[in-house]
PDB file of all heavy atoms in Angstrom:
ATOM      1  N   LYS A   1      76.482 -23.546 278.222  1.00  0.00           N
ATOM      2  CA  LYS A   1      75.145 -23.599 278.821  1.00  0.00           C
ATOM      3  C   LYS A   1      74.294 -22.386 278.454  1.00  0.00           C
ATOM      4  O   LYS A   1      73.065 -22.443 278.536  1.00  0.00           O
ATOM      5  CB  LYS A   1      75.254 -23.700 280.339  1.00  0.00           C
ATOM      6  CG  LYS A   1      75.896 -24.990 280.844  1.00  0.00           C
ATOM      7  CD  LYS A   1      75.884 -25.044 282.370  1.00  0.00           C
ATOM      8  CE  LYS A   1      76.449 -26.355 282.897  1.00  0.00           C
ATOM      9  NZ  LYS A   1      77.862 -26.540 282.524  1.00  0.00           N
ATOM     10  N   HIS A   2      74.941 -21.302 278.074  1.00  0.00           N
ATOM     11  CA  HIS A   2      74.199 -20.074 277.794  1.00  0.00           C
ATOM     12  C   HIS A   2      74.572 -19.568 276.393  1.00  0.00           C
ATOM     13  O   HIS A   2      75.545 -18.836 276.229  1.00  0.00           O
ATOM     14  CB  HIS A   2      74.505 -19.007 278.844  1.00  0.00           C
ATOM     15  CG  HIS A   2      74.334 -19.475 280.253  1.00  0.00           C
ATOM     16  ND1 HIS A   2      73.106 -19.725 280.812  1.00  0.00           N
ATOM     17  CD2 HIS A   2      75.263 -19.770 281.204  1.00  0.00           C
ATOM     18  CE1 HIS A   2      73.268 -20.131 282.060  1.00  0.00           C
ATOM     19  NE2 HIS A   2      74.559 -20.174 282.322  1.00  0.00           N
ATOM     20  N   VAL A   3      73.814 -19.987 275.408  1.00  0.00           N
ATOM     21  CA  VAL A   3      74.061 -19.559 274.028  1.00  0.00           C
ATOM     22  C   VAL A   3      72.773 -18.975 273.466  1.00  0.00           C
ATOM     23  O   VAL A   3      71.749 -19.662 273.412  1.00  0.00           O
ATOM     24  CB  VAL A   3      74.524 -20.728 273.124  1.00  0.00           C
ATOM     25  CG1 VAL A   3      74.923 -20.198 271.750  1.00  0.00           C
ATOM     26  CG2 VAL A   3      75.673 -21.487 273.761  1.00  0.00           C
ATOM     27  N   SER A   4      72.818 -17.726 273.067  1.00  0.00           N
ATOM     28  CA  SER A   4      71.676 -17.083 272.427  1.00  0.00           C
ATOM     29  C   SER A   4      72.116 -16.558 271.057  1.00  0.00           C
ATOM     30  O   SER A   4      73.291 -16.675 270.693  1.00  0.00           O
ATOM     31  CB  SER A   4      71.159 -15.926 273.291  1.00  0.00           C
ATOM     32  OG  SER A   4      72.165 -14.935 273.452  1.00  0.00           O
ATOM     33  N   TYR A   5      71.188 -15.975 270.342  1.00  0.00           N
ATOM     34  CA  TYR A   5      71.555 -15.391 269.053  1.00  0.00           C
ATOM     35  C   TYR A   5      70.701 -14.160 268.782  1.00  0.00           C
ATOM     36  O   TYR A   5      69.637 -13.963 269.373  1.00  0.00           O
ATOM     37  CB  TYR A   5      71.397 -16.408 267.913  1.00  0.00           C
ATOM     38  CG  TYR A   5      69.970 -16.741 267.558  1.00  0.00           C
ATOM     39  CD1 TYR A   5      69.272 -15.992 266.608  1.00  0.00           C
ATOM     40  CD2 TYR A   5      69.302 -17.810 268.167  1.00  0.00           C
ATOM     41  CE1 TYR A   5      67.963 -16.297 266.275  1.00  0.00           C
ATOM     42  CE2 TYR A   5      67.999 -18.117 267.849  1.00  0.00           C
ATOM     43  CZ  TYR A   5      67.324 -17.355 266.908  1.00  0.00           C
ATOM     44  OH  TYR A   5      66.034 -17.646 266.591  1.00  0.00           O
ATOM     45  N   LEU A   6      71.188 -13.339 267.883  1.00  0.00           N
ATOM     46  CA  LEU A   6      70.475 -12.146 267.437  1.00  0.00           C
ATOM     47  C   LEU A   6      70.731 -12.000 265.947  1.00  0.00           C
ATOM     48  O   LEU A   6      71.874 -12.104 265.499  1.00  0.00           O
ATOM     49  CB  LEU A   6      70.985 -10.916 268.200  1.00  0.00           C
ATOM     50  CG  LEU A   6      70.276  -9.575 268.006  1.00  0.00           C
ATOM     51  CD1 LEU A   6      70.534  -8.687 269.219  1.00  0.00           C
ATOM     52  CD2 LEU A   6      70.746  -8.853 266.744  1.00  0.00           C
ATOM     53  N   VAL A   7      69.675 -11.790 265.179  1.00  0.00           N
ATOM     54  CA  VAL A   7      69.846 -11.595 263.738  1.00  0.00           C
ATOM     55  C   VAL A   7      69.297 -10.221 263.373  1.00  0.00           C
ATOM     56  O   VAL A   7      68.177  -9.883 263.735  1.00  0.00           O
ATOM     57  CB  VAL A   7      69.153 -12.716 262.926  1.00  0.00           C
ATOM     58  CG1 VAL A   7      67.677 -12.808 263.218  1.00  0.00           C
ATOM     59  CG2 VAL A   7      69.400 -12.532 261.440  1.00  0.00           C
ATOM     60  N   PRO A   8      70.095  -9.378 262.731  1.00  0.00           N
ATOM     61  CA  PRO A   8      69.632  -8.033 262.379  1.00  0.00           C
ATOM     62  C   PRO A   8      68.437  -8.078 261.437  1.00  0.00           C
ATOM     63  O   PRO A   8      68.245  -9.040 260.685  1.00  0.00           O
ATOM     64  CB  PRO A   8      70.844  -7.407 261.686  1.00  0.00           C
ATOM     65  CG  PRO A   8      72.011  -8.213 262.134  1.00  0.00           C
ATOM     66  CD  PRO A   8      71.486  -9.602 262.324  1.00  0.00           C
ATOM     67  N   ASP A   9      67.636  -7.032 261.480  1.00  0.00           N
ATOM     68  CA  ASP A   9      66.552  -6.851 260.528  1.00  0.00           C
ATOM     69  C   ASP A   9      67.116  -6.168 259.285  1.00  0.00           C
ATOM     70  O   ASP A   9      67.764  -5.135 259.373  1.00  0.00           O
ATOM     71  CB  ASP A   9      65.442  -5.992 261.147  1.00  0.00           C
ATOM     72  CG  ASP A   9      64.260  -5.811 260.214  1.00  0.00           C
ATOM     73  OD1 ASP A   9      64.354  -4.949 259.316  1.00  0.00           O
ATOM     74  OD2 ASP A   9      63.261  -6.524 260.379  1.00  0.00           O
ATOM     75  N   ARG A  10      66.862  -6.771 258.127  1.00  0.00           N
ATOM     76  CA  ARG A  10      67.426  -6.258 256.879  1.00  0.00           C
ATOM     77  C   ARG A  10      67.084  -4.783 256.666  1.00  0.00           C
ATOM     78  O   ARG A  10      67.932  -3.988 256.255  1.00  0.00           O
ATOM     79  CB  ARG A  10      66.887  -7.081 255.708  1.00  0.00           C
ATOM     80  CG  ARG A  10      67.379  -6.625 254.337  1.00  0.00           C
ATOM     81  CD  ARG A  10      66.635  -7.362 253.227  1.00  0.00           C
ATOM     82  NE  ARG A  10      66.992  -8.764 253.188  1.00  0.00           N
ATOM     83  CZ  ARG A  10      67.953  -9.291 252.414  1.00  0.00           C
ATOM     84  NH1 ARG A  10      68.673  -8.498 251.640  1.00  0.00           N
ATOM     85  NH2 ARG A  10      68.188 -10.575 252.418  1.00  0.00           N
ATOM     86  N   VAL A  11      65.850  -4.402 256.957  1.00  0.00           N
ATOM     87  CA  VAL A  11      65.396  -3.037 256.684  1.00  0.00           C
ATOM     88  C   VAL A  11      65.866  -2.067 257.753  1.00  0.00           C
ATOM     89  O   VAL A  11      66.446  -1.019 257.470  1.00  0.00           O
ATOM     90  CB  VAL A  11      63.859  -3.000 256.563  1.00  0.00           C
ATOM     91  CG1 VAL A  11      63.371  -1.563 256.418  1.00  0.00           C
ATOM     92  CG2 VAL A  11      63.398  -3.837 255.375  1.00  0.00           C
ATOM     93  N   VAL A  12      65.638  -2.404 259.008  1.00  0.00           N
ATOM     94  CA  VAL A  12      65.903  -1.479 260.109  1.00  0.00           C
ATOM     95  C   VAL A  12      67.383  -1.414 260.462  1.00  0.00           C
ATOM     96  O   VAL A  12      67.954  -0.327 260.645  1.00  0.00           O
ATOM     97  CB  VAL A  12      65.085  -1.873 261.356  1.00  0.00           C
ATOM     98  CG1 VAL A  12      65.416  -0.948 262.533  1.00  0.00           C
ATOM     99  CG2 VAL A  12      63.594  -1.836 261.041  1.00  0.00           C
ATOM    100  N   ASP A  13      68.021  -2.567 260.545  1.00  0.00           N
ATOM    101  CA  ASP A  13      69.407  -2.625 261.036  1.00  0.00           C
ATOM    102  C   ASP A  13      70.445  -2.588 259.932  1.00  0.00           C
ATOM    103  O   ASP A  13      71.573  -2.144 260.149  1.00  0.00           O
ATOM    104  CB  ASP A  13      69.618  -3.903 261.866  1.00  0.00           C
ATOM    105  CG  ASP A  13      68.699  -3.963 263.067  1.00  0.00           C
ATOM    106  OD1 ASP A  13      68.670  -2.983 263.835  1.00  0.00           O
ATOM    107  OD2 ASP A  13      68.009  -4.993 263.227  1.00  0.00           O
ATOM    108  N   GLY A  14      70.099  -3.113 258.757  1.00  0.00           N
ATOM    109  CA  GLY A  14      71.105  -3.225 257.716  1.00  0.00           C
ATOM    110  C   GLY A  14      72.009  -4.410 257.969  1.00  0.00           C
ATOM    111  O   GLY A  14      71.766  -5.245 258.841  1.00  0.00           O
ATOM    112  N   TYR A  15      73.086  -4.469 257.201  1.00  0.00           N
ATOM    113  CA  TYR A  15      73.965  -5.646 257.221  1.00  0.00           C
ATOM    114  C   TYR A  15      75.044  -5.526 258.295  1.00  0.00           C
ATOM    115  O   TYR A  15      75.595  -4.456 258.540  1.00  0.00           O
ATOM    116  CB  TYR A  15      74.629  -5.814 255.849  1.00  0.00           C
ATOM    117  CG  TYR A  15      75.699  -6.876 255.823  1.00  0.00           C
ATOM    118  CD1 TYR A  15      75.363  -8.227 255.788  1.00  0.00           C
ATOM    119  CD2 TYR A  15      77.049  -6.535 255.866  1.00  0.00           C
ATOM    120  CE1 TYR A  15      76.324  -9.204 255.779  1.00  0.00           C
ATOM    121  CE2 TYR A  15      78.027  -7.510 255.850  1.00  0.00           C
ATOM    122  CZ  TYR A  15      77.667  -8.840 255.810  1.00  0.00           C
ATOM    123  OH  TYR A  15      78.626  -9.812 255.810  1.00  0.00           O
ATOM    124  N   GLY A  16      75.356  -6.647 258.927  1.00  0.00           N
ATOM    125  CA  GLY A  16      76.544  -6.751 259.772  1.00  0.00           C
ATOM    126  C   GLY A  16      76.359  -6.293 261.203  1.00  0.00           C
ATOM    127  O   GLY A  16      75.276  -5.898 261.645  1.00  0.00           O
ATOM    128  N   LEU A  17      77.466  -6.338 261.926  1.00  0.00           N
ATOM    129  CA  LEU A  17      77.504  -5.941 263.337  1.00  0.00           C
ATOM    130  C   LEU A  17      77.651  -4.416 263.407  1.00  0.00           C
ATOM    131  O   LEU A  17      78.757  -3.888 263.300  1.00  0.00           O
ATOM    132  CB  LEU A  17      78.666  -6.639 264.053  1.00  0.00           C
ATOM    133  CG  LEU A  17      78.929  -6.190 265.491  1.00  0.00           C
ATOM    134  CD1 LEU A  17      77.717  -6.461 266.380  1.00  0.00           C
ATOM    135  CD2 LEU A  17      80.172  -6.872 266.041  1.00  0.00           C
ATOM    136  N   THR A  18      76.552  -3.736 263.588  1.00  0.00           N
ATOM    137  CA  THR A  18      76.569  -2.281 263.723  1.00  0.00           C
ATOM    138  C   THR A  18      76.653  -1.911 265.207  1.00  0.00           C
ATOM    139  O   THR A  18      76.364  -2.743 266.078  1.00  0.00           O
ATOM    140  CB  THR A  18      75.295  -1.673 263.126  1.00  0.00           C
ATOM    141  OG1 THR A  18      74.153  -2.200 263.839  1.00  0.00           O
ATOM    142  CG2 THR A  18      75.157  -2.013 261.649  1.00  0.00           C
ATOM    143  N   PRO A  19      77.023  -0.671 265.548  1.00  0.00           N
ATOM    144  CA  PRO A  19      77.046  -0.263 266.960  1.00  0.00           C
ATOM    145  C   PRO A  19      75.721  -0.496 267.690  1.00  0.00           C
ATOM    146  O   PRO A  19      75.738  -0.983 268.834  1.00  0.00           O
ATOM    147  CB  PRO A  19      77.419   1.222 266.872  1.00  0.00           C
ATOM    148  CG  PRO A  19      78.288   1.307 265.657  1.00  0.00           C
ATOM    149  CD  PRO A  19      77.649   0.361 264.679  1.00  0.00           C
ATOM    150  N   PRO A  20      74.556  -0.178 267.089  1.00  0.00           N
ATOM    151  CA  PRO A  20      73.300  -0.467 267.802  1.00  0.00           C
ATOM    152  C   PRO A  20      73.108  -1.956 268.093  1.00  0.00           C
ATOM    153  O   PRO A  20      72.581  -2.312 269.154  1.00  0.00           O
ATOM    154  CB  PRO A  20      72.223   0.049 266.834  1.00  0.00           C
ATOM    155  CG  PRO A  20      72.902   1.109 266.035  1.00  0.00           C
ATOM    156  CD  PRO A  20      74.297   0.604 265.856  1.00  0.00           C
ATOM    157  N   ILE A  21      73.526  -2.824 267.156  1.00  0.00           N
ATOM    158  CA  ILE A  21      73.430  -4.269 267.408  1.00  0.00           C
ATOM    159  C   ILE A  21      74.341  -4.657 268.569  1.00  0.00           C
ATOM    160  O   ILE A  21      73.963  -5.440 269.454  1.00  0.00           O
ATOM    161  CB  ILE A  21      73.803  -5.072 266.145  1.00  0.00           C
ATOM    162  CG1 ILE A  21      72.767  -4.863 265.038  1.00  0.00           C
ATOM    163  CG2 ILE A  21      73.943  -6.554 266.467  1.00  0.00           C
ATOM    164  CD1 ILE A  21      71.419  -5.469 265.319  1.00  0.00           C
ATOM    165  N   ALA A  22      75.559  -4.107 268.591  1.00  0.00           N
ATOM    166  CA  ALA A  22      76.488  -4.386 269.683  1.00  0.00           C
ATOM    167  C   ALA A  22      75.892  -3.959 271.020  1.00  0.00           C
ATOM    168  O   ALA A  22      76.027  -4.662 272.044  1.00  0.00           O
ATOM    169  CB  ALA A  22      77.820  -3.681 269.430  1.00  0.00           C
ATOM    170  N   GLU A  23      75.209  -2.818 271.028  1.00  0.00           N
ATOM    171  CA  GLU A  23      74.571  -2.333 272.257  1.00  0.00           C
ATOM    172  C   GLU A  23      73.478  -3.294 272.707  1.00  0.00           C
ATOM    173  O   GLU A  23      73.340  -3.579 273.910  1.00  0.00           O
ATOM    174  CB  GLU A  23      73.978  -0.938 272.031  1.00  0.00           C
ATOM    175  CG  GLU A  23      75.002   0.162 271.792  1.00  0.00           C
ATOM    176  CD  GLU A  23      75.819   0.483 273.045  1.00  0.00           C
ATOM    177  OE1 GLU A  23      75.365   0.172 274.164  1.00  0.00           O
ATOM    178  OE2 GLU A  23      76.926   1.027 272.892  1.00  0.00           O
ATOM    179  N   ARG A  24      72.697  -3.790 271.773  1.00  0.00           N
ATOM    180  CA  ARG A  24      71.630  -4.736 272.123  1.00  0.00           C
ATOM    181  C   ARG A  24      72.194  -6.020 272.699  1.00  0.00           C
ATOM    182  O   ARG A  24      71.635  -6.605 273.639  1.00  0.00           O
ATOM    183  CB  ARG A  24      70.769  -5.032 270.892  1.00  0.00           C
ATOM    184  CG  ARG A  24      69.793  -3.900 270.574  1.00  0.00           C
ATOM    185  CD  ARG A  24      69.273  -3.966 269.155  1.00  0.00           C
ATOM    186  NE  ARG A  24      68.559  -5.205 268.842  1.00  0.00           N
ATOM    187  CZ  ARG A  24      68.105  -5.493 267.633  1.00  0.00           C
ATOM    188  NH1 ARG A  24      68.320  -4.646 266.622  1.00  0.00           N
ATOM    189  NH2 ARG A  24      67.456  -6.618 267.409  1.00  0.00           N
TER     190      ARG A  24
END
């Protein structure tokens, strides 16, 4: 019932699951 998504920004975040992405 609760499915969301997050896609990193190529320039700001770079590739993959980074620590800042995990925090978000």
